[in-house]
């Protein structure tokens, strides 16, 4: 996971916001896929997301929280499908997760529909 982060974050630093979002989403999904802990995966996933977003100098939205909220169930299905999908079928689920994760970000993502592809 650390080698993946080291590989993906440097080029994302100078990328457009949507590419940065996809990078954050990819890292978020892959951590969910490898889930090394029996409990606390979501909390660690969100902490890593926050750290990576901060590294990319993307501010977190006020609505971001480490603790799960009821609407996180909207994230559960596409994230689970990403973990089960074949490599050539993951992109559609990555997009769904990215749309959800964009709500956790501020800055350029506070603009309506900014979490979507250009």
PDB file of N, CA and C in Angstrom:
ATOM      1  N   UNK A   1       0.830  -1.186   0.000  1.00  0.00           N
ATOM      2  CA  UNK A   1       0.000   0.000   0.000  1.00  0.00           C
ATOM      3  C   UNK A   1       0.874   1.248   0.000  1.00  0.00           C
ATOM      4  N   UNK A   2       1.932   1.253   0.814  1.00  0.00           N
ATOM      5  CA  UNK A   2       2.806   2.421   0.865  1.00  0.00           C
ATOM      6  C   UNK A   2       3.498   2.664  -0.466  1.00  0.00           C
ATOM      7  N   UNK A   3       3.909   1.593  -1.146  1.00  0.00           N
ATOM      8  CA  UNK A   3       4.549   1.789  -2.454  1.00  0.00           C
ATOM      9  C   UNK A   3       3.552   2.351  -3.461  1.00  0.00           C
ATOM     10  N   UNK A   4       2.299   1.953  -3.356  1.00  0.00           N
ATOM     11  CA  UNK A   4       1.256   2.492  -4.244  1.00  0.00           C
ATOM     12  C   UNK A   4       1.040   3.978  -3.973  1.00  0.00           C
ATOM     13  N   UNK A   5       1.010   4.355  -2.700  1.00  0.00           N
ATOM     14  CA  UNK A   5       0.851   5.768  -2.332  1.00  0.00           C
ATOM     15  C   UNK A   5       2.029   6.578  -2.853  1.00  0.00           C
ATOM     16  N   UNK A   6       3.232   6.064  -2.653  1.00  0.00           N
ATOM     17  CA  UNK A   6       4.442   6.768  -3.126  1.00  0.00           C
ATOM     18  C   UNK A   6       4.464   6.905  -4.640  1.00  0.00           C
ATOM     19  N   UNK A   7       3.859   5.947  -5.329  1.00  0.00           N
ATOM     20  CA  UNK A   7       3.823   5.983  -6.796  1.00  0.00           C
ATOM     21  C   UNK A   7       2.751   6.939  -7.308  1.00  0.00           C
ATOM     22  N   UNK A   8       1.597   6.982  -6.657  1.00  0.00           N
ATOM     23  CA  UNK A   8       0.456   7.741  -7.175  1.00  0.00           C
ATOM     24  C   UNK A   8       0.390   9.200  -6.730  1.00  0.00           C
ATOM     25  N   UNK A   9       0.828   9.508  -5.523  1.00  0.00           N
ATOM     26  CA  UNK A   9       0.661  10.878  -5.026  1.00  0.00           C
ATOM     27  C   UNK A   9       1.539  11.921  -5.724  1.00  0.00           C
ATOM     28  N   UNK A  10       2.825  11.661  -5.979  1.00  0.00           N
ATOM     29  CA  UNK A  10       3.636  12.726  -6.596  1.00  0.00           C
ATOM     30  C   UNK A  10       3.073  13.276  -7.911  1.00  0.00           C
ATOM     31  N   UNK A  11       2.674  12.449  -8.883  1.00  0.00           N
ATOM     32  CA  UNK A  11       2.117  13.038 -10.103  1.00  0.00           C
ATOM     33  C   UNK A  11       0.770  13.725  -9.875  1.00  0.00           C
ATOM     34  N   UNK A  12       0.032  13.288  -8.860  1.00  0.00           N
ATOM     35  CA  UNK A  12      -1.276  13.888  -8.579  1.00  0.00           C
ATOM     36  C   UNK A  12      -1.142  15.304  -8.018  1.00  0.00           C
ATOM     37  N   UNK A  13      -0.007  15.626  -7.438  1.00  0.00           N
ATOM     38  CA  UNK A  13       0.170  16.958  -6.840  1.00  0.00           C
ATOM     39  C   UNK A  13       0.005  18.079  -7.863  1.00  0.00           C
ATOM     40  N   UNK A  14       0.365  17.820  -9.098  1.00  0.00           N
ATOM     41  CA  UNK A  14       0.254  18.860 -10.129  1.00  0.00           C
ATOM     42  C   UNK A  14      -0.896  18.589 -11.102  1.00  0.00           C
ATOM     43  N   UNK A  15      -1.751  17.650 -10.771  1.00  0.00           N
ATOM     44  CA  UNK A  15      -2.853  17.280 -11.663  1.00  0.00           C
ATOM     45  C   UNK A  15      -4.088  18.149 -11.409  1.00  0.00           C
ATOM     46  N   UNK A  16      -5.028  18.064 -12.324  1.00  0.00           N
ATOM     47  CA  UNK A  16      -6.315  18.752 -12.183  1.00  0.00           C
ATOM     48  C   UNK A  16      -7.082  18.140 -11.011  1.00  0.00           C
ATOM     49  N   UNK A  17      -8.002  18.910 -10.404  1.00  0.00           N
ATOM     50  CA  UNK A  17      -8.752  18.394  -9.251  1.00  0.00           C
ATOM     51  C   UNK A  17      -9.442  17.051  -9.494  1.00  0.00           C
ATOM     52  N   UNK A  18     -10.012  16.842 -10.668  1.00  0.00           N
ATOM     53  CA  UNK A  18     -10.700  15.575 -10.921  1.00  0.00           C
ATOM     54  C   UNK A  18      -9.719  14.403 -10.900  1.00  0.00           C
ATOM     55  N   UNK A  19      -8.528  14.603 -11.444  1.00  0.00           N
ATOM     56  CA  UNK A  19      -7.503  13.549 -11.425  1.00  0.00           C
ATOM     57  C   UNK A  19      -7.047  13.299  -9.985  1.00  0.00           C
ATOM     58  N   UNK A  20      -6.941  14.359  -9.210  1.00  0.00           N
ATOM     59  CA  UNK A  20      -6.596  14.202  -7.796  1.00  0.00           C
ATOM     60  C   UNK A  20      -7.670  13.391  -7.077  1.00  0.00           C
ATOM     61  N   UNK A  21      -8.925  13.682  -7.375  1.00  0.00           N
ATOM     62  CA  UNK A  21     -10.026  12.935  -6.777  1.00  0.00           C
ATOM     63  C   UNK A  21      -9.935  11.461  -7.149  1.00  0.00           C
ATOM     64  N   UNK A  22      -9.656  11.159  -8.396  1.00  0.00           N
ATOM     65  CA  UNK A  22      -9.538   9.760  -8.819  1.00  0.00           C
ATOM     66  C   UNK A  22      -8.367   9.074  -8.120  1.00  0.00           C
ATOM     67  N   UNK A  23      -7.284   9.795  -7.914  1.00  0.00           N
ATOM     68  CA  UNK A  23      -6.139   9.232  -7.191  1.00  0.00           C
ATOM     69  C   UNK A  23      -6.534   8.913  -5.755  1.00  0.00           C
ATOM     70  N   UNK A  24      -7.177   9.864  -5.082  1.00  0.00           N
ATOM     71  CA  UNK A  24      -7.631   9.631  -3.710  1.00  0.00           C
ATOM     72  C   UNK A  24      -8.601   8.452  -3.651  1.00  0.00           C
ATOM     73  N   UNK A  25      -9.484   8.382  -4.625  1.00  0.00           N
ATOM     74  CA  UNK A  25     -10.480   7.310  -4.664  1.00  0.00           C
ATOM     75  C   UNK A  25      -9.811   5.963  -4.873  1.00  0.00           C
ATOM     76  N   UNK A  26      -8.843   5.915  -5.773  1.00  0.00           N
ATOM     77  CA  UNK A  26      -8.140   4.660  -6.041  1.00  0.00           C
ATOM     78  C   UNK A  26      -7.448   4.162  -4.774  1.00  0.00           C
ATOM     79  N   UNK A  27      -6.765   5.063  -4.077  1.00  0.00           N
ATOM     80  CA  UNK A  27      -6.096   4.675  -2.833  1.00  0.00           C
ATOM     81  C   UNK A  27      -7.111   4.227  -1.775  1.00  0.00           C
ATOM     82  N   UNK A  28      -8.220   4.943  -1.680  1.00  0.00           N
ATOM     83  CA  UNK A  28      -9.283   4.612  -0.728  1.00  0.00           C
ATOM     84  C   UNK A  28      -9.838   3.215  -1.018  1.00  0.00           C
ATOM     85  N   UNK A  29     -10.133   2.948  -2.274  1.00  0.00           N
ATOM     86  CA  UNK A  29     -10.696   1.655  -2.663  1.00  0.00           C
ATOM     87  C   UNK A  29      -9.705   0.519  -2.436  1.00  0.00           C
ATOM     88  N   UNK A  30      -8.444   0.740  -2.780  1.00  0.00           N
ATOM     89  CA  UNK A  30      -7.461  -0.331  -2.606  1.00  0.00           C
ATOM     90  C   UNK A  30      -7.243  -0.656  -1.146  1.00  0.00           C
ATOM     91  N   UNK A  31      -7.257   0.350  -0.280  1.00  0.00           N
ATOM     92  CA  UNK A  31      -7.137   0.037   1.135  1.00  0.00           C
ATOM     93  C   UNK A  31      -8.338  -0.795   1.576  1.00  0.00           C
ATOM     94  N   UNK A  32      -9.520  -0.443   1.094  1.00  0.00           N
ATOM     95  CA  UNK A  32     -10.715  -1.233   1.410  1.00  0.00           C
ATOM     96  C   UNK A  32     -10.615  -2.652   0.891  1.00  0.00           C
ATOM     97  N   UNK A  33      -9.948  -2.819  -0.242  1.00  0.00           N
ATOM     98  CA  UNK A  33      -9.802  -4.156  -0.828  1.00  0.00           C
ATOM     99  C   UNK A  33      -8.862  -5.029  -0.004  1.00  0.00           C
ATOM    100  N   UNK A  34      -7.777  -4.461   0.480  1.00  0.00           N
ATOM    101  CA  UNK A  34      -6.822  -5.285   1.227  1.00  0.00           C
ATOM    102  C   UNK A  34      -7.191  -5.406   2.704  1.00  0.00           C
ATOM    103  N   UNK A  35      -8.022  -4.506   3.215  1.00  0.00           N
ATOM    104  CA  UNK A  35      -8.528  -4.459   4.597  1.00  0.00           C
ATOM    105  C   UNK A  35      -7.775  -5.384   5.565  1.00  0.00           C
ATOM    106  N   UNK A  36      -6.648  -4.919   6.073  1.00  0.00           N
ATOM    107  CA  UNK A  36      -5.830  -5.786   6.928  1.00  0.00           C
ATOM    108  C   UNK A  36      -6.340  -5.957   8.355  1.00  0.00           C
ATOM    109  N   UNK A  37      -7.383  -5.243   8.735  1.00  0.00           N
ATOM    110  CA  UNK A  37      -7.846  -5.311  10.116  1.00  0.00           C
ATOM    111  C   UNK A  37      -9.210  -5.980  10.202  1.00  0.00           C
ATOM    112  N   UNK A  38      -9.490  -6.611  11.324  1.00  0.00           N
ATOM    113  CA  UNK A  38     -10.807  -7.213  11.522  1.00  0.00           C
ATOM    114  C   UNK A  38     -11.864  -6.163  11.810  1.00  0.00           C
ATOM    115  N   UNK A  39     -11.448  -5.046  12.413  1.00  0.00           N
ATOM    116  CA  UNK A  39     -12.373  -3.982  12.757  1.00  0.00           C
ATOM    117  C   UNK A  39     -11.665  -2.646  12.563  1.00  0.00           C
ATOM    118  N   UNK A  40     -12.403  -1.619  12.234  1.00  0.00           N
ATOM    119  CA  UNK A  40     -11.820  -0.289  12.107  1.00  0.00           C
ATOM    120  C   UNK A  40     -11.341   0.073  10.719  1.00  0.00           C
ATOM    121  N   UNK A  41     -11.625  -0.754   9.732  1.00  0.00           N
ATOM    122  CA  UNK A  41     -11.173  -0.453   8.371  1.00  0.00           C
ATOM    123  C   UNK A  41     -11.681   0.897   7.874  1.00  0.00           C
ATOM    124  N   UNK A  42     -12.950   1.173   8.105  1.00  0.00           N
ATOM    125  CA  UNK A  42     -13.527   2.433   7.633  1.00  0.00           C
ATOM    126  C   UNK A  42     -12.873   3.636   8.275  1.00  0.00           C
ATOM    127  N   UNK A  43     -12.612   3.536   9.564  1.00  0.00           N
ATOM    128  CA  UNK A  43     -11.966   4.646  10.260  1.00  0.00           C
ATOM    129  C   UNK A  43     -10.551   4.877   9.717  1.00  0.00           C
ATOM    130  N   UNK A  44      -9.805   3.796   9.548  1.00  0.00           N
ATOM    131  CA  UNK A  44      -8.439   3.916   9.023  1.00  0.00           C
ATOM    132  C   UNK A  44      -8.487   4.398   7.574  1.00  0.00           C
ATOM    133  N   UNK A  45      -9.431   3.893   6.808  1.00  0.00           N
ATOM    134  CA  UNK A  45      -9.607   4.319   5.421  1.00  0.00           C
ATOM    135  C   UNK A  45      -9.836   5.829   5.349  1.00  0.00           C
ATOM    136  N   UNK A  46     -10.721   6.340   6.187  1.00  0.00           N
ATOM    137  CA  UNK A  46     -11.014   7.774   6.178  1.00  0.00           C
ATOM    138  C   UNK A  46      -9.817   8.590   6.667  1.00  0.00           C
ATOM    139  N   UNK A  47      -9.067   8.073   7.636  1.00  0.00           N
ATOM    140  CA  UNK A  47      -7.872   8.778   8.114  1.00  0.00           C
ATOM    141  C   UNK A  47      -6.815   8.847   7.004  1.00  0.00           C
ATOM    142  N   UNK A  48      -6.617   7.752   6.281  1.00  0.00           N
ATOM    143  CA  UNK A  48      -5.669   7.754   5.167  1.00  0.00           C
ATOM    144  C   UNK A  48      -6.133   8.686   4.049  1.00  0.00           C
ATOM    145  N   UNK A  49      -7.432   8.706   3.792  1.00  0.00           N
ATOM    146  CA  UNK A  49      -7.996   9.613   2.794  1.00  0.00           C
ATOM    147  C   UNK A  49      -7.697  11.058   3.183  1.00  0.00           C
ATOM    148  N   UNK A  50      -7.939  11.394   4.450  1.00  0.00           N
ATOM    149  CA  UNK A  50      -7.696  12.757   4.935  1.00  0.00           C
ATOM    150  C   UNK A  50      -6.217  13.121   4.817  1.00  0.00           C
ATOM    151  N   UNK A  51      -5.341  12.183   5.163  1.00  0.00           N
ATOM    152  CA  UNK A  51      -3.899  12.442   5.072  1.00  0.00           C
ATOM    153  C   UNK A  51      -3.473  12.657   3.621  1.00  0.00           C
ATOM    154  N   UNK A  52      -3.980  11.834   2.711  1.00  0.00           N
ATOM    155  CA  UNK A  52      -3.615  11.971   1.293  1.00  0.00           C
ATOM    156  C   UNK A  52      -4.182  13.269   0.715  1.00  0.00           C
ATOM    157  N   UNK A  53      -5.422  13.616   1.066  1.00  0.00           N
ATOM    158  CA  UNK A  53      -6.009  14.875   0.583  1.00  0.00           C
ATOM    159  C   UNK A  53      -5.197  16.061   1.082  1.00  0.00           C
ATOM    160  N   UNK A  54      -4.790  16.009   2.343  1.00  0.00           N
ATOM    161  CA  UNK A  54      -3.971  17.078   2.911  1.00  0.00           C
ATOM    162  C   UNK A  54      -2.644  17.165   2.186  1.00  0.00           C
ATOM    163  N   UNK A  55      -2.054  16.007   1.863  1.00  0.00           N
ATOM    164  CA  UNK A  55      -0.802  15.990   1.114  1.00  0.00           C
ATOM    165  C   UNK A  55      -0.965  16.640  -0.256  1.00  0.00           C
ATOM    166  N   UNK A  56      -2.135  16.478  -0.856  1.00  0.00           N
ATOM    167  CA  UNK A  56      -2.413  17.090  -2.159  1.00  0.00           C
ATOM    168  C   UNK A  56      -2.893  18.533  -2.019  1.00  0.00           C
ATOM    169  N   UNK A  57      -2.931  19.018  -0.779  1.00  0.00           N
ATOM    170  CA  UNK A  57      -3.358  20.387  -0.475  1.00  0.00           C
ATOM    171  C   UNK A  57      -4.815  20.646  -0.848  1.00  0.00           C
ATOM    172  N   UNK A  58      -5.631  19.609  -0.705  1.00  0.00           N
ATOM    173  CA  UNK A  58      -7.072  19.736  -0.911  1.00  0.00           C
ATOM    174  C   UNK A  58      -7.694  19.811   0.484  1.00  0.00           C
ATOM    175  N   UNK A  59      -8.388  20.903   0.797  1.00  0.00           N
ATOM    176  CA  UNK A  59      -8.993  20.994   2.128  1.00  0.00           C
ATOM    177  C   UNK A  59     -10.162  20.024   2.275  1.00  0.00           C
ATOM    178  N   UNK A  60     -10.318  19.523   3.491  1.00  0.00           N
ATOM    179  CA  UNK A  60     -11.458  18.659   3.785  1.00  0.00           C
ATOM    180  C   UNK A  60     -12.684  19.517   4.049  1.00  0.00           C
ATOM    181  N   UNK A  61     -13.829  19.030   3.624  1.00  0.00           N
ATOM    182  CA  UNK A  61     -15.083  19.733   3.866  1.00  0.00           C
ATOM    183  C   UNK A  61     -15.466  19.597   5.333  1.00  0.00           C
ATOM    184  N   UNK A  62     -16.265  20.532   5.806  1.00  0.00           N
ATOM    185  CA  UNK A  62     -16.751  20.482   7.190  1.00  0.00           C
ATOM    186  C   UNK A  62     -17.576  19.225   7.437  1.00  0.00           C
ATOM    187  N   UNK A  63     -18.154  18.648   6.395  1.00  0.00           N
ATOM    188  CA  UNK A  63     -18.992  17.455   6.552  1.00  0.00           C
ATOM    189  C   UNK A  63     -18.175  16.163   6.654  1.00  0.00           C
ATOM    190  N   UNK A  64     -16.848  16.233   6.447  1.00  0.00           N
ATOM    191  CA  UNK A  64     -15.999  15.048   6.592  1.00  0.00           C
ATOM    192  C   UNK A  64     -15.921  14.653   8.065  1.00  0.00           C
ATOM    193  N   UNK A  65     -15.995  13.370   8.332  1.00  0.00           N
ATOM    194  CA  UNK A  65     -15.872  12.868   9.708  1.00  0.00           C
ATOM    195  C   UNK A  65     -15.204  11.505   9.679  1.00  0.00           C
ATOM    196  N   UNK A  66     -14.390  11.247  10.666  1.00  0.00           N
ATOM    197  CA  UNK A  66     -13.758   9.932  10.794  1.00  0.00           C
ATOM    198  C   UNK A  66     -14.797   8.883  11.168  1.00  0.00           C
ATOM    199  N   UNK A  67     -15.758   9.273  11.990  1.00  0.00           N
ATOM    200  CA  UNK A  67     -16.776   8.328  12.445  1.00  0.00           C
ATOM    201  C   UNK A  67     -17.847   8.148  11.384  1.00  0.00           C
ATOM    202  N   UNK A  68     -18.299   6.915  11.180  1.00  0.00           N
ATOM    203  CA  UNK A  68     -19.324   6.654  10.159  1.00  0.00           C
ATOM    204  C   UNK A  68     -20.616   7.416  10.441  1.00  0.00           C
ATOM    205  N   UNK A  69     -21.287   7.729   9.381  1.00  0.00           N
ATOM    206  CA  UNK A  69     -22.594   8.374   9.459  1.00  0.00           C
ATOM    207  C   UNK A  69     -23.603   7.489   8.735  1.00  0.00           C
ATOM    208  N   UNK A  70     -24.886   7.689   8.962  1.00  0.00           N
ATOM    209  CA  UNK A  70     -25.885   6.832   8.322  1.00  0.00           C
ATOM    210  C   UNK A  70     -25.776   6.800   6.793  1.00  0.00           C
ATOM    211  N   UNK A  71     -25.404   7.925   6.174  1.00  0.00           N
ATOM    212  CA  UNK A  71     -25.360   7.939   4.716  1.00  0.00           C
ATOM    213  C   UNK A  71     -24.130   7.239   4.158  1.00  0.00           C
ATOM    214  N   UNK A  72     -23.229   6.749   5.013  1.00  0.00           N
ATOM    215  CA  UNK A  72     -22.095   5.985   4.514  1.00  0.00           C
ATOM    216  C   UNK A  72     -22.544   4.687   3.867  1.00  0.00           C
ATOM    217  N   UNK A  73     -23.783   4.288   4.108  1.00  0.00           N
ATOM    218  CA  UNK A  73     -24.303   3.097   3.432  1.00  0.00           C
ATOM    219  C   UNK A  73     -24.340   3.319   1.922  1.00  0.00           C
ATOM    220  N   UNK A  74     -24.408   4.581   1.491  1.00  0.00           N
ATOM    221  CA  UNK A  74     -24.351   4.880   0.055  1.00  0.00           C
ATOM    222  C   UNK A  74     -22.989   4.529  -0.533  1.00  0.00           C
ATOM    223  N   UNK A  75     -21.970   4.545   0.294  1.00  0.00           N
ATOM    224  CA  UNK A  75     -20.618   4.209  -0.129  1.00  0.00           C
ATOM    225  C   UNK A  75     -20.381   2.703  -0.085  1.00  0.00           C
ATOM    226  N   UNK A  76     -21.064   2.011   0.789  1.00  0.00           N
ATOM    227  CA  UNK A  76     -20.797   0.591   1.026  1.00  0.00           C
ATOM    228  C   UNK A  76     -20.940  -0.264  -0.231  1.00  0.00           C
ATOM    229  N   UNK A  77     -22.015  -0.095  -0.979  1.00  0.00           N
ATOM    230  CA  UNK A  77     -22.251  -0.958  -2.143  1.00  0.00           C
ATOM    231  C   UNK A  77     -21.185  -0.783  -3.223  1.00  0.00           C
ATOM    232  N   UNK A  78     -20.906   0.454  -3.716  1.00  0.00           N
ATOM    233  CA  UNK A  78     -19.887   0.542  -4.771  1.00  0.00           C
ATOM    234  C   UNK A  78     -18.496   0.134  -4.281  1.00  0.00           C
ATOM    235  N   UNK A  79     -18.197   0.376  -3.013  1.00  0.00           N
ATOM    236  CA  UNK A  79     -16.904  -0.029  -2.480  1.00  0.00           C
ATOM    237  C   UNK A  79     -16.797  -1.550  -2.433  1.00  0.00           C
ATOM    238  N   UNK A  80     -17.853  -2.199  -1.999  1.00  0.00           N
ATOM    239  CA  UNK A  80     -17.860  -3.670  -1.975  1.00  0.00           C
ATOM    240  C   UNK A  80     -17.761  -4.227  -3.393  1.00  0.00           C
ATOM    241  N   UNK A  81     -18.476  -3.625  -4.332  1.00  0.00           N
ATOM    242  CA  UNK A  81     -18.425  -4.097  -5.716  1.00  0.00           C
ATOM    243  C   UNK A  81     -17.026  -3.902  -6.313  1.00  0.00           C
ATOM    244  N   UNK A  82     -16.348  -2.801  -5.966  1.00  0.00           N
ATOM    245  CA  UNK A  82     -14.970  -2.587  -6.410  1.00  0.00           C
ATOM    246  C   UNK A  82     -14.085  -3.732  -5.931  1.00  0.00           C
ATOM    247  N   UNK A  83     -14.251  -4.133  -4.675  1.00  0.00           N
ATOM    248  CA  UNK A  83     -13.386  -5.185  -4.133  1.00  0.00           C
ATOM    249  C   UNK A  83     -13.644  -6.539  -4.785  1.00  0.00           C
ATOM    250  N   UNK A  84     -14.856  -6.751  -5.302  1.00  0.00           N
ATOM    251  CA  UNK A  84     -15.201  -8.038  -5.907  1.00  0.00           C
ATOM    252  C   UNK A  84     -15.012  -8.068  -7.431  1.00  0.00           C
ATOM    253  N   UNK A  85     -14.932  -6.909  -8.052  1.00  0.00           N
ATOM    254  CA  UNK A  85     -14.906  -6.843  -9.519  1.00  0.00           C
ATOM    255  C   UNK A  85     -13.557  -7.288 -10.090  1.00  0.00           C
ATOM    256  N   UNK A  86     -13.638  -7.815 -11.284  1.00  0.00           N
ATOM    257  CA  UNK A  86     -12.414  -8.127 -12.023  1.00  0.00           C
ATOM    258  C   UNK A  86     -11.723  -6.812 -12.375  1.00  0.00           C
ATOM    259  N   UNK A  87     -10.436  -6.869 -12.621  1.00  0.00           N
ATOM    260  CA  UNK A  87      -9.644  -5.658 -12.885  1.00  0.00           C
ATOM    261  C   UNK A  87     -10.246  -4.803 -13.991  1.00  0.00           C
ATOM    262  N   UNK A  88     -10.776  -5.408 -15.029  1.00  0.00           N
ATOM    263  CA  UNK A  88     -11.324  -4.642 -16.155  1.00  0.00           C
ATOM    264  C   UNK A  88     -12.737  -4.116 -15.888  1.00  0.00           C
ATOM    265  N   UNK A  89     -13.293  -4.394 -14.705  1.00  0.00           N
ATOM    266  CA  UNK A  89     -14.643  -3.933 -14.382  1.00  0.00           C
ATOM    267  C   UNK A  89     -14.669  -2.987 -13.179  1.00  0.00           C
ATOM    268  N   UNK A  90     -13.517  -2.619 -12.640  1.00  0.00           N
ATOM    269  CA  UNK A  90     -13.475  -1.794 -11.427  1.00  0.00           C
ATOM    270  C   UNK A  90     -13.771  -0.320 -11.687  1.00  0.00           C
ATOM    271  N   UNK A  91     -13.486   0.158 -12.888  1.00  0.00           N
ATOM    272  CA  UNK A  91     -13.580   1.594 -13.150  1.00  0.00           C
ATOM    273  C   UNK A  91     -14.975   2.160 -12.889  1.00  0.00           C
ATOM    274  N   UNK A  92     -16.015   1.440 -13.249  1.00  0.00           N
ATOM    275  CA  UNK A  92     -17.372   1.954 -13.029  1.00  0.00           C
ATOM    276  C   UNK A  92     -17.654   2.159 -11.547  1.00  0.00           C
ATOM    277  N   UNK A  93     -17.142   1.300 -10.709  1.00  0.00           N
ATOM    278  CA  UNK A  93     -17.351   1.430  -9.270  1.00  0.00           C
ATOM    279  C   UNK A  93     -16.442   2.504  -8.680  1.00  0.00           C
ATOM    280  N   UNK A  94     -15.271   2.650  -9.265  1.00  0.00           N
ATOM    281  CA  UNK A  94     -14.364   3.718  -8.848  1.00  0.00           C
ATOM    282  C   UNK A  94     -15.038   5.071  -9.038  1.00  0.00           C
ATOM    283  N   UNK A  95     -15.742   5.257 -10.144  1.00  0.00           N
ATOM    284  CA  UNK A  95     -16.457   6.504 -10.406  1.00  0.00           C
ATOM    285  C   UNK A  95     -17.550   6.774  -9.380  1.00  0.00           C
ATOM    286  N   UNK A  96     -18.270   5.732  -8.984  1.00  0.00           N
ATOM    287  CA  UNK A  96     -19.329   5.893  -7.977  1.00  0.00           C
ATOM    288  C   UNK A  96     -18.735   6.290  -6.626  1.00  0.00           C
ATOM    289  N   UNK A  97     -17.631   5.659  -6.261  1.00  0.00           N
ATOM    290  CA  UNK A  97     -16.974   5.984  -4.995  1.00  0.00           C
ATOM    291  C   UNK A  97     -16.424   7.406  -5.061  1.00  0.00           C
ATOM    292  N   UNK A  98     -15.847   7.789  -6.201  1.00  0.00           N
ATOM    293  CA  UNK A  98     -15.297   9.143  -6.364  1.00  0.00           C
ATOM    294  C   UNK A  98     -16.384  10.199  -6.197  1.00  0.00           C
ATOM    295  N   UNK A  99     -17.546   9.941  -6.753  1.00  0.00           N
ATOM    296  CA  UNK A  99     -18.657  10.895  -6.623  1.00  0.00           C
ATOM    297  C   UNK A  99     -19.007  11.100  -5.148  1.00  0.00           C
ATOM    298  N   UNK A 100     -19.035  10.017  -4.392  1.00  0.00           N
ATOM    299  CA  UNK A 100     -19.344  10.115  -2.962  1.00  0.00           C
ATOM    300  C   UNK A 100     -18.213  10.823  -2.210  1.00  0.00           C
ATOM    301  N   UNK A 101     -16.966  10.414  -2.464  1.00  0.00           N
ATOM    302  CA  UNK A 101     -15.827  10.985  -1.741  1.00  0.00           C
ATOM    303  C   UNK A 101     -15.651  12.474  -2.023  1.00  0.00           C
ATOM    304  N   UNK A 102     -16.093  12.929  -3.180  1.00  0.00           N
ATOM    305  CA  UNK A 102     -15.952  14.354  -3.507  1.00  0.00           C
ATOM    306  C   UNK A 102     -16.717  15.223  -2.508  1.00  0.00           C
ATOM    307  N   UNK A 103     -17.734  14.658  -1.866  1.00  0.00           N
ATOM    308  CA  UNK A 103     -18.489  15.437  -0.875  1.00  0.00           C
ATOM    309  C   UNK A 103     -17.690  15.658   0.403  1.00  0.00           C
ATOM    310  N   UNK A 104     -16.609  14.925   0.596  1.00  0.00           N
ATOM    311  CA  UNK A 104     -15.753  15.084   1.774  1.00  0.00           C
ATOM    312  C   UNK A 104     -14.696  16.155   1.563  1.00  0.00           C
ATOM    313  N   UNK A 105     -14.606  16.685   0.347  1.00  0.00           N
ATOM    314  CA  UNK A 105     -13.559  17.638   0.010  1.00  0.00           C
ATOM    315  C   UNK A 105     -14.115  19.039  -0.172  1.00  0.00           C
ATOM    316  N   UNK A 106     -13.303  20.022   0.167  1.00  0.00           N
ATOM    317  CA  UNK A 106     -13.679  21.422  -0.023  1.00  0.00           C
ATOM    318  C   UNK A 106     -12.862  21.978  -1.193  1.00  0.00           C
ATOM    319  N   UNK A 107     -12.598  23.268  -1.163  1.00  0.00           N
ATOM    320  CA  UNK A 107     -11.826  23.888  -2.245  1.00  0.00           C
ATOM    321  C   UNK A 107     -12.554  23.772  -3.562  1.00  0.00           C
ATOM    322  N   UNK A 108     -11.892  23.208  -4.579  1.00  0.00           N
ATOM    323  CA  UNK A 108     -12.541  23.128  -5.898  1.00  0.00           C
ATOM    324  C   UNK A 108     -13.757  22.210  -5.912  1.00  0.00           C
ATOM    325  N   UNK A 109     -13.922  21.401  -4.879  1.00  0.00           N
ATOM    326  CA  UNK A 109     -15.036  20.463  -4.844  1.00  0.00           C
ATOM    327  C   UNK A 109     -16.287  21.043  -4.192  1.00  0.00           C
ATOM    328  N   UNK A 110     -16.217  22.288  -3.743  1.00  0.00           N
ATOM    329  CA  UNK A 110     -17.401  22.954  -3.196  1.00  0.00           C
ATOM    330  C   UNK A 110     -18.312  23.488  -4.291  1.00  0.00           C
ATOM    331  N   UNK A 111     -17.831  23.487  -5.512  1.00  0.00           N
ATOM    332  CA  UNK A 111     -18.625  23.953  -6.649  1.00  0.00           C
ATOM    333  C   UNK A 111     -19.568  22.825  -7.060  1.00  0.00           C
ATOM    334  N   UNK A 112     -20.851  23.115  -7.289  1.00  0.00           N
ATOM    335  CA  UNK A 112     -21.788  22.054  -7.675  1.00  0.00           C
ATOM    336  C   UNK A 112     -21.266  21.242  -8.871  1.00  0.00           C
ATOM    337  N   UNK A 113     -21.413  19.936  -8.777  1.00  0.00           N
ATOM    338  CA  UNK A 113     -21.035  18.963  -9.811  1.00  0.00           C
ATOM    339  C   UNK A 113     -19.522  18.921 -10.055  1.00  0.00           C
ATOM    340  N   UNK A 114     -18.733  19.436  -9.145  1.00  0.00           N
ATOM    341  CA  UNK A 114     -17.287  19.443  -9.358  1.00  0.00           C
ATOM    342  C   UNK A 114     -16.648  18.079  -9.111  1.00  0.00           C
ATOM    343  N   UNK A 115     -17.376  17.148  -8.513  1.00  0.00           N
ATOM    344  CA  UNK A 115     -16.835  15.819  -8.295  1.00  0.00           C
ATOM    345  C   UNK A 115     -16.997  14.900  -9.485  1.00  0.00           C
ATOM    346  N   UNK A 116     -17.492  15.445 -10.573  1.00  0.00           N
ATOM    347  CA  UNK A 116     -17.743  14.637 -11.753  1.00  0.00           C
ATOM    348  C   UNK A 116     -16.713  14.915 -12.836  1.00  0.00           C
ATOM    349  N   UNK A 117     -16.606  13.988 -13.731  1.00  0.00           N
ATOM    350  CA  UNK A 117     -15.654  14.117 -14.834  1.00  0.00           C
ATOM    351  C   UNK A 117     -15.955  15.364 -15.662  1.00  0.00           C
ATOM    352  N   UNK A 118     -14.897  16.042 -16.139  1.00  0.00           N
ATOM    353  CA  UNK A 118     -15.106  17.242 -16.978  1.00  0.00           C
ATOM    354  C   UNK A 118     -15.830  16.930 -18.271  1.00  0.00           C
TER     355      UNK A 118
END
